[in-house]
Amino acid sequence: MIDNAVQHVGQLDSKRERLRRAVEQIKKHRCMGQIARRARFEVARKRIHIRILEEFRQHEWPRFQMLDEIFKKDLGLPVPTLSVCGAGTAEVRFTKLLAHFFDSRNHHGLGALLARAVFAEEIDAPVVFERCTAHAEVSLGMSQLSTGQQINNSLDILIKAGDHKILVEQKIKSPEGKEQLVRYSAGMRNKFGDAAVHCFYLTPEGRQGHGDDWKPLSHRDLFCRMASLLERHALSPAARHNLRAFLWDLMLGPLAQDHQWMDELKHQAHRVARDYRHYTDLKKWFERYGMSRDEMRMLAKIVGD
């Protein structure tokens, strides 16, 4: 009986050992699989990194070298008027500047190109932007707050394009006012009735406002869509200069929101001009301000245009 018990224990020990070896083998294969997957991932990551660096070297790097030369030789850049005046994030002044460039009647040389570039893809309807007009600080009438207080609804920008009305409320640093977009929606319906109305809430990062009628729009999208017009060869010299100066104001105002940004750009441009592999640091610096490679690419267009 004792011999049977010893034999049984021996069999159990043998089974445990086989089980332990099987588990170790599974762990070994799993570990080897993980190592192989990590190795494949690392190879793919390096390949992508090399490709991105090469794309930067071919397309944007020459323009950052040009920007570095501009800074070193003090050749000059388009003057961003609002930023020079210290008002690049002042909503009222920037609203007036936006309205000026959205109005095709003004003598910036761009006609209705900017209004079409920004809003055409946002509106699910054919809109005739030729001869569009834009007005800043437009009254939508009075409203009564839930507290009983009477308040005037002053819309930042109203664009009239054919039968369509485009309403833009802009915030750069300030928050949305109390019941603001809800009040504006009511005022809009009273003022325009059944007209085709399209409402946009414009903020640097494209925040969602408190109003179902208002579609979020970011200054970053605004910037990139406007900057894409620099690819047009038909722009007059005056129109091209005015657009570049306006885009610098967009970059230094609503996007960067930092008076030291240009000094840091000078430093970053100098580093990457010497060695395009500093692109990674340049990209991280842009990302600190919530900017993607799209903004970086468009900035290069402004410089190298």
Protein backbone atom coordinates (compact mmCIF):
# COMPACT_ATOMS: atom_id res chain seq x y z
CA MET A 1 0.00 0.00 0.00
CA ILE A 2 2.86 2.32 0.85
CA ASP A 3 4.52 1.36 -2.41
CA ASN A 4 1.32 2.32 -4.31
CA ALA A 5 1.19 5.68 -2.54
CA VAL A 6 4.83 6.40 -3.37
CA GLN A 7 4.20 5.41 -6.96
CA HIS A 8 1.14 7.68 -7.13
CA VAL A 9 3.15 10.62 -5.72
CA GLY A 10 5.86 9.94 -8.24
CA GLN A 11 3.32 9.97 -11.06
CA LEU A 12 1.93 13.29 -9.78
CA ASP A 13 5.43 14.78 -9.62
CA SER A 14 6.06 13.60 -13.17
CA LYS A 15 2.81 15.17 -14.38
CA ARG A 16 3.62 18.43 -12.59
CA GLU A 17 7.05 18.48 -14.21
CA ARG A 18 5.57 17.87 -17.66
CA LEU A 19 2.99 20.58 -17.01
CA ARG A 20 5.70 22.98 -15.81
CA ARG A 21 7.75 22.33 -18.92
CA ALA A 22 4.70 22.81 -21.14
CA VAL A 23 3.92 26.14 -19.42
CA GLU A 24 7.55 27.24 -19.77
CA GLN A 25 7.47 26.30 -23.44
CA ILE A 26 4.28 28.31 -23.98
CA LYS A 27 5.81 31.30 -22.17
CA LYS A 28 8.97 30.96 -24.25
CA HIS A 29 7.02 30.90 -27.54
CA ARG A 30 4.86 33.80 -26.38
CA CYS A 31 7.90 35.82 -25.37
CA MET A 32 9.62 35.05 -28.66
CA GLY A 33 6.44 36.07 -30.51
CA GLN A 34 6.31 39.35 -28.60
CA ILE A 35 9.97 40.03 -29.35
CA ALA A 36 9.39 39.29 -33.03
CA ARG A 37 6.33 41.56 -33.12
CA ARG A 38 8.25 44.36 -31.38
CA ALA A 39 11.10 43.93 -33.84
CA ARG A 40 8.71 44.11 -36.81
CA PHE A 41 7.03 47.15 -35.28
CA GLU A 42 10.39 48.86 -34.74
CA VAL A 43 11.42 48.17 -38.33
CA ALA A 44 8.09 49.59 -39.58
CA ARG A 45 8.40 52.61 -37.26
CA LYS A 46 11.90 53.40 -38.50
CA ARG A 47 10.79 52.99 -42.11
CA ILE A 48 7.89 55.43 -41.56
CA HIS A 49 10.18 57.86 -39.73
CA ILE A 50 12.70 57.79 -42.58
CA ARG A 51 9.93 58.36 -45.12
CA ILE A 52 8.51 61.31 -43.15
CA LEU A 53 11.98 62.83 -42.82
CA GLU A 54 12.56 62.42 -46.54
CA GLU A 55 9.22 64.07 -47.36
CA PHE A 56 10.14 66.98 -45.09
CA ARG A 57 13.61 67.22 -46.64
CA GLN A 58 12.17 67.40 -50.16
CA HIS A 59 9.19 69.68 -49.59
CA GLU A 60 9.41 71.85 -46.46
CA TRP A 61 13.11 71.89 -45.59
CA PRO A 62 14.15 74.25 -48.43
CA ARG A 63 11.57 76.74 -47.22
CA PHE A 64 12.76 76.55 -43.62
CA GLN A 65 16.29 77.13 -44.94
CA MET A 66 14.89 80.18 -46.71
CA LEU A 67 13.21 81.31 -43.48
CA ASP A 68 16.51 80.94 -41.64
CA GLU A 69 18.20 83.12 -44.29
CA ILE A 70 15.43 85.71 -43.92
CA PHE A 71 16.01 85.84 -40.17
CA LYS A 72 19.83 85.90 -40.46
CA LYS A 73 19.97 88.57 -43.17
CA ASP A 74 16.95 90.51 -41.86
CA LEU A 75 15.28 90.39 -45.29
CA GLY A 76 11.83 90.96 -43.80
CA LEU A 77 8.54 89.10 -43.57
CA PRO A 78 4.96 90.24 -44.27
CA VAL A 79 3.91 92.51 -41.39
CA PRO A 80 1.16 91.00 -39.16
CA THR A 81 -0.55 94.26 -38.25
CA LEU A 82 -2.64 93.14 -35.29
CA SER A 83 0.20 91.21 -33.71
CA VAL A 84 2.54 94.18 -34.08
CA CYS A 85 -0.05 96.34 -32.34
CA GLY A 86 -0.40 93.80 -29.54
CA ALA A 87 -3.97 93.03 -30.53
CA GLY A 88 -3.53 89.64 -32.18
CA THR A 89 -5.85 87.97 -29.69
CA ALA A 90 -8.24 90.91 -29.26
CA GLU A 91 -11.49 89.45 -30.56
CA VAL A 92 -13.13 92.71 -31.65
CA ARG A 93 -10.15 93.81 -33.74
CA PHE A 94 -9.59 90.38 -35.20
CA THR A 95 -13.31 90.11 -35.99
CA LYS A 96 -13.09 93.34 -38.00
CA LEU A 97 -10.02 92.04 -39.85
CA LEU A 98 -11.77 88.77 -40.71
CA ALA A 99 -14.88 90.61 -41.90
CA HIS A 100 -12.70 92.84 -44.08
CA PHE A 101 -11.13 89.85 -45.85
CA PHE A 102 -14.45 87.99 -46.19
CA ASP A 103 -16.04 90.97 -47.99
CA SER A 104 -15.43 90.73 -51.74
CA ARG A 105 -16.01 94.50 -52.18
CA ASN A 106 -12.86 95.46 -50.27
CA HIS A 107 -9.60 96.17 -52.08
CA HIS A 108 -7.50 93.26 -50.79
CA GLY A 109 -7.44 91.72 -54.26
CA LEU A 110 -8.83 88.36 -53.14
CA GLY A 111 -12.48 88.89 -54.03
CA ALA A 112 -14.62 86.11 -52.59
CA LEU A 113 -11.81 83.52 -52.55
CA LEU A 114 -11.38 83.46 -48.77
CA ALA A 115 -15.10 83.13 -47.98
CA ARG A 116 -15.40 80.31 -50.50
CA ALA A 117 -12.25 78.54 -49.26
CA VAL A 118 -13.44 78.56 -45.65
CA PHE A 119 -17.17 77.92 -45.93
CA ALA A 120 -17.93 76.14 -49.23
CA GLU A 121 -17.07 72.68 -47.91
CA GLU A 122 -18.93 73.34 -44.63
CA ILE A 123 -22.26 74.13 -46.30
CA ASP A 124 -24.24 71.30 -47.83
CA ALA A 125 -25.82 73.50 -50.49
CA PRO A 126 -24.66 75.45 -53.55
CA VAL A 127 -23.69 78.96 -52.47
CA VAL A 128 -22.83 81.81 -54.83
CA PHE A 129 -19.90 83.56 -53.13
CA GLU A 130 -19.22 86.08 -55.90
CA ARG A 131 -19.94 89.61 -54.66
CA CYS A 132 -20.46 88.38 -51.08
CA THR A 133 -20.51 91.02 -48.36
CA ALA A 134 -19.41 90.84 -44.75
CA HIS A 135 -20.20 93.00 -41.73
CA ALA A 136 -18.72 93.01 -38.23
CA GLU A 137 -20.63 93.53 -34.96
CA VAL A 138 -24.15 93.05 -36.35
CA SER A 139 -27.11 93.42 -33.99
CA LEU A 140 -29.54 90.50 -33.85
CA GLY A 141 -31.91 92.36 -31.55
CA MET A 142 -32.52 92.21 -27.81
CA SER A 143 -33.04 89.13 -25.63
CA GLN A 144 -34.11 88.53 -22.08
CA LEU A 145 -31.89 86.28 -19.95
CA SER A 146 -33.33 83.71 -17.57
CA THR A 147 -32.54 86.25 -14.83
CA GLY A 148 -34.85 88.77 -16.50
CA GLN A 149 -32.00 91.02 -17.69
CA GLN A 150 -32.31 92.56 -21.17
CA ILE A 151 -29.22 92.17 -23.35
CA ASN A 152 -28.27 93.09 -26.91
CA ASN A 153 -27.21 90.25 -29.21
CA SER A 154 -24.21 91.49 -31.18
CA LEU A 155 -23.01 88.92 -33.72
CA ASP A 156 -19.32 89.05 -34.65
CA ILE A 157 -19.56 88.51 -38.42
CA LEU A 158 -22.44 88.31 -40.88
CA ILE A 159 -21.64 87.23 -44.45
CA LYS A 160 -24.27 87.54 -47.16
CA ALA A 161 -23.65 85.30 -50.17
CA GLY A 162 -26.56 85.32 -52.59
CA ASP A 163 -29.61 84.04 -50.72
CA HIS A 164 -27.47 82.58 -47.94
CA LYS A 165 -26.56 84.14 -44.61
CA ILE A 166 -23.39 82.93 -42.88
CA LEU A 167 -23.14 83.82 -39.19
CA VAL A 168 -19.81 83.61 -37.36
CA GLU A 169 -19.33 84.04 -33.62
CA GLN A 170 -15.65 84.13 -32.68
CA LYS A 171 -13.88 83.38 -29.41
CA ILE A 172 -10.10 83.44 -29.05
CA LYS A 173 -9.41 83.51 -25.32
CA SER A 174 -12.76 84.42 -23.80
CA PRO A 175 -15.44 81.80 -22.98
CA GLU A 176 -18.92 81.69 -24.48
CA GLY A 177 -21.23 84.25 -22.87
CA LYS A 178 -24.22 83.30 -20.76
CA GLU A 179 -26.88 81.68 -22.98
CA GLN A 180 -25.08 83.43 -25.85
CA LEU A 181 -25.52 81.07 -28.79
CA VAL A 182 -29.05 80.15 -27.74
CA ARG A 183 -29.91 83.87 -27.67
CA TYR A 184 -28.26 84.38 -31.05
CA SER A 185 -30.25 81.53 -32.56
CA ALA A 186 -33.49 83.13 -31.43
CA GLY A 187 -32.36 86.53 -32.72
CA MET A 188 -31.31 84.96 -36.02
CA ARG A 189 -34.74 83.42 -36.55
CA ASN A 190 -36.44 86.74 -35.78
CA LYS A 191 -34.14 88.66 -38.12
CA PHE A 192 -33.90 86.29 -41.10
CA GLY A 193 -37.06 84.22 -40.91
CA ASP A 194 -36.95 81.31 -43.36
CA ALA A 195 -33.76 82.42 -45.15
CA ALA A 196 -30.95 79.90 -45.63
CA VAL A 197 -28.79 80.50 -42.56
CA HIS A 198 -25.52 78.77 -41.61
CA CYS A 199 -24.02 79.35 -38.15
CA PHE A 200 -20.40 78.81 -37.14
CA TYR A 201 -18.73 79.01 -33.74
CA LEU A 202 -15.09 79.92 -34.42
CA THR A 203 -12.44 79.11 -31.78
CA PRO A 204 -8.71 78.24 -32.02
CA GLU A 205 -9.28 74.53 -31.40
CA GLY A 206 -12.85 74.20 -32.76
CA ARG A 207 -14.77 74.00 -29.48
CA GLN A 208 -18.42 72.94 -29.50
CA GLY A 209 -20.71 75.76 -28.41
CA HIS A 210 -23.96 75.54 -26.43
CA GLY A 211 -26.30 75.76 -29.36
CA ASP A 212 -27.58 73.12 -31.77
CA ASP A 213 -27.61 75.59 -34.68
CA TRP A 214 -23.89 76.38 -34.36
CA LYS A 215 -21.28 74.28 -36.11
CA PRO A 216 -17.78 74.34 -34.57
CA LEU A 217 -15.01 75.77 -36.74
CA SER A 218 -11.35 76.08 -35.76
CA HIS A 219 -8.90 78.86 -36.55
CA ARG A 220 -6.54 76.06 -37.62
CA ASP A 221 -8.94 74.92 -40.36
CA LEU A 222 -9.48 78.55 -41.29
CA PHE A 223 -5.71 79.10 -41.56
CA CYS A 224 -5.01 75.99 -43.65
CA ARG A 225 -7.89 76.59 -46.06
CA MET A 226 -6.85 80.20 -46.61
CA ALA A 227 -3.16 79.32 -46.96
CA SER A 228 -4.00 76.76 -49.66
CA LEU A 229 -4.89 79.72 -51.92
CA LEU A 230 -1.18 80.59 -52.10
CA GLU A 231 -0.86 77.69 -54.53
CA ARG A 232 -2.86 79.69 -57.07
CA HIS A 233 -0.62 81.33 -59.63
CA ALA A 234 -3.30 83.80 -60.73
CA LEU A 235 -3.20 85.88 -57.53
CA SER A 236 -2.01 89.43 -58.06
CA PRO A 237 1.15 90.52 -56.19
CA ALA A 238 -0.96 92.75 -53.92
CA ALA A 239 -3.44 89.94 -53.17
CA ARG A 240 -0.61 87.51 -52.43
CA HIS A 241 1.12 89.98 -50.09
CA ASN A 242 -2.13 90.84 -48.28
CA LEU A 243 -2.97 87.17 -47.82
CA ARG A 244 0.49 86.33 -46.47
CA ALA A 245 0.35 89.23 -43.97
CA PHE A 246 -3.15 88.17 -42.90
CA LEU A 247 -2.01 84.55 -42.44
CA TRP A 248 0.90 85.70 -40.26
CA ASP A 249 -1.65 87.49 -38.08
CA LEU A 250 -3.70 84.29 -37.85
CA MET A 251 -0.60 82.32 -36.90
CA LEU A 252 0.66 84.78 -34.27
CA GLY A 253 -2.80 85.63 -32.91
CA PRO A 254 -5.45 82.90 -32.50
CA LEU A 255 -3.05 80.00 -33.18
CA ALA A 256 0.14 80.73 -31.22
CA GLN A 257 -1.30 83.22 -28.67
CA ASP A 258 2.26 83.83 -27.45
CA HIS A 259 4.29 87.02 -27.96
CA GLN A 260 7.54 85.01 -27.77
CA TRP A 261 6.46 82.56 -30.47
CA MET A 262 8.30 84.35 -33.30
CA ASP A 263 11.59 84.36 -31.37
CA GLU A 264 11.28 80.62 -30.79
CA LEU A 265 10.37 80.10 -34.46
CA LYS A 266 13.63 81.84 -35.38
CA HIS A 267 15.55 79.42 -33.15
CA GLN A 268 13.73 76.35 -34.45
CA ALA A 269 14.19 77.42 -38.08
CA HIS A 270 17.92 77.87 -37.53
CA ARG A 271 18.33 74.38 -36.02
CA VAL A 272 16.34 72.57 -38.69
CA ALA A 273 17.98 74.56 -41.49
CA ARG A 274 21.37 73.20 -40.43
CA ASP A 275 20.13 69.62 -40.13
CA TYR A 276 16.75 68.47 -41.46
CA ARG A 277 16.74 65.63 -38.89
CA HIS A 278 15.75 68.23 -36.29
CA TYR A 279 12.33 68.04 -37.92
CA THR A 280 11.18 65.85 -35.01
CA ASP A 281 11.96 68.62 -32.51
CA LEU A 282 10.33 71.21 -34.77
CA LYS A 283 7.19 69.07 -34.97
CA LYS A 284 7.07 68.66 -31.19
CA TRP A 285 7.42 72.42 -30.77
CA PHE A 286 4.46 73.04 -33.09
CA GLU A 287 2.45 70.42 -31.19
CA ARG A 288 3.02 72.36 -27.94
CA TYR A 289 0.75 75.00 -29.46
CA GLY A 290 -1.77 72.47 -30.70
CA MET A 291 -0.54 72.77 -34.29
CA SER A 292 -0.14 69.82 -36.64
CA ARG A 293 2.08 69.27 -39.66
CA ASP A 294 -0.63 70.91 -41.78
CA GLU A 295 -0.01 74.26 -40.09
CA MET A 296 3.74 73.71 -40.37
CA ARG A 297 3.41 72.98 -44.09
CA MET A 298 1.24 76.05 -44.65
CA LEU A 299 3.66 78.24 -42.70
CA ALA A 300 6.39 77.04 -45.06
CA LYS A 301 4.18 78.11 -47.98
CA ILE A 302 3.80 81.60 -46.52
CA VAL A 303 7.57 81.93 -46.21
CA GLY A 304 8.56 80.35 -49.51
CA ASP A 305 5.78 81.70 -51.66
